[in-house]
Amino acid sequence: PMLAHKAEEEGIACVEMIAGVGEGHVNYETIPSVIYTHPEIAGVGKTEEE
C-alpha cells in the first residue's frame, strides 16, 4: 500500500479516538496499492473475489 497515506489516516484515527472526537475509522478499501515492476501493477478497492 501507499504507506505514507495509510500512516496519515491511521494517525488521524488514533488522535480522534484518544481525544474522543470521532470514531477513529480508517477505510482500508480506499488505500491504493502498487507493485513497482515492469509493467507496474496498481489497484484500489475490492478484488473480484471480495
Protein backbone atom coordinates (compact mmCIF):
# COMPACT_ATOMS: atom_id res chain seq x y z
CA PRO A 1 0.00 0.00 0.00
CA MET A 2 0.93 3.64 -0.26
CA LEU A 3 2.29 3.68 3.28
CA ALA A 4 2.50 7.47 3.78
CA HIS A 5 -1.22 7.90 3.08
CA LYS A 6 -2.11 4.87 5.21
CA ALA A 7 0.03 6.09 8.11
CA GLU A 8 -1.51 9.56 7.94
CA GLU A 9 -5.07 8.20 8.09
CA GLU A 10 -4.18 5.83 10.94
CA GLY A 11 -2.58 8.72 12.85
CA ILE A 12 -5.69 10.87 12.46
CA ALA A 13 -7.89 7.96 13.56
CA CYS A 14 -5.70 7.39 16.62
CA VAL A 15 -5.85 11.04 17.69
CA GLU A 16 -9.64 11.11 17.17
CA MET A 17 -10.03 8.07 19.42
CA ILE A 18 -7.75 9.49 22.13
CA ALA A 19 -9.48 12.89 22.05
CA GLY A 20 -12.94 11.32 21.93
CA VAL A 21 -14.00 13.46 18.97
CA GLY A 22 -14.51 10.73 16.39
CA GLU A 23 -14.84 7.03 15.87
CA GLY A 24 -11.28 6.68 14.57
CA HIS A 25 -12.16 4.66 11.48
CA VAL A 26 -9.79 4.00 8.57
CA ASN A 27 -11.37 2.78 5.33
CA TYR A 28 -8.73 0.37 4.03
CA GLU A 29 -10.70 -0.20 0.80
CA THR A 30 -9.73 3.27 -0.46
CA ILE A 31 -5.97 2.93 0.11
CA PRO A 32 -4.17 2.28 -3.18
CA SER A 33 -1.50 -0.37 -3.60
CA VAL A 34 1.23 -0.59 -6.21
CA ILE A 35 3.96 -3.01 -7.23
CA TYR A 36 6.89 -1.34 -8.96
CA THR A 37 7.70 -3.92 -11.61
CA HIS A 38 7.76 -3.69 -15.38
CA PRO A 39 4.92 -3.31 -16.20
CA GLU A 40 3.68 -1.71 -12.98
CA ILE A 41 0.67 -3.17 -11.19
CA ALA A 42 -1.71 -0.98 -9.18
CA GLY A 43 -5.10 -1.32 -7.59
CA VAL A 44 -7.58 0.23 -5.22
CA GLY A 45 -10.79 -1.07 -3.71
CA LYS A 46 -12.15 -4.60 -3.58
CA THR A 47 -10.94 -7.55 -5.61
CA GLU A 48 -13.24 -9.63 -7.80
CA GLU A 49 -13.48 -12.28 -5.05
CA GLU A 50 -14.50 -9.71 -2.41
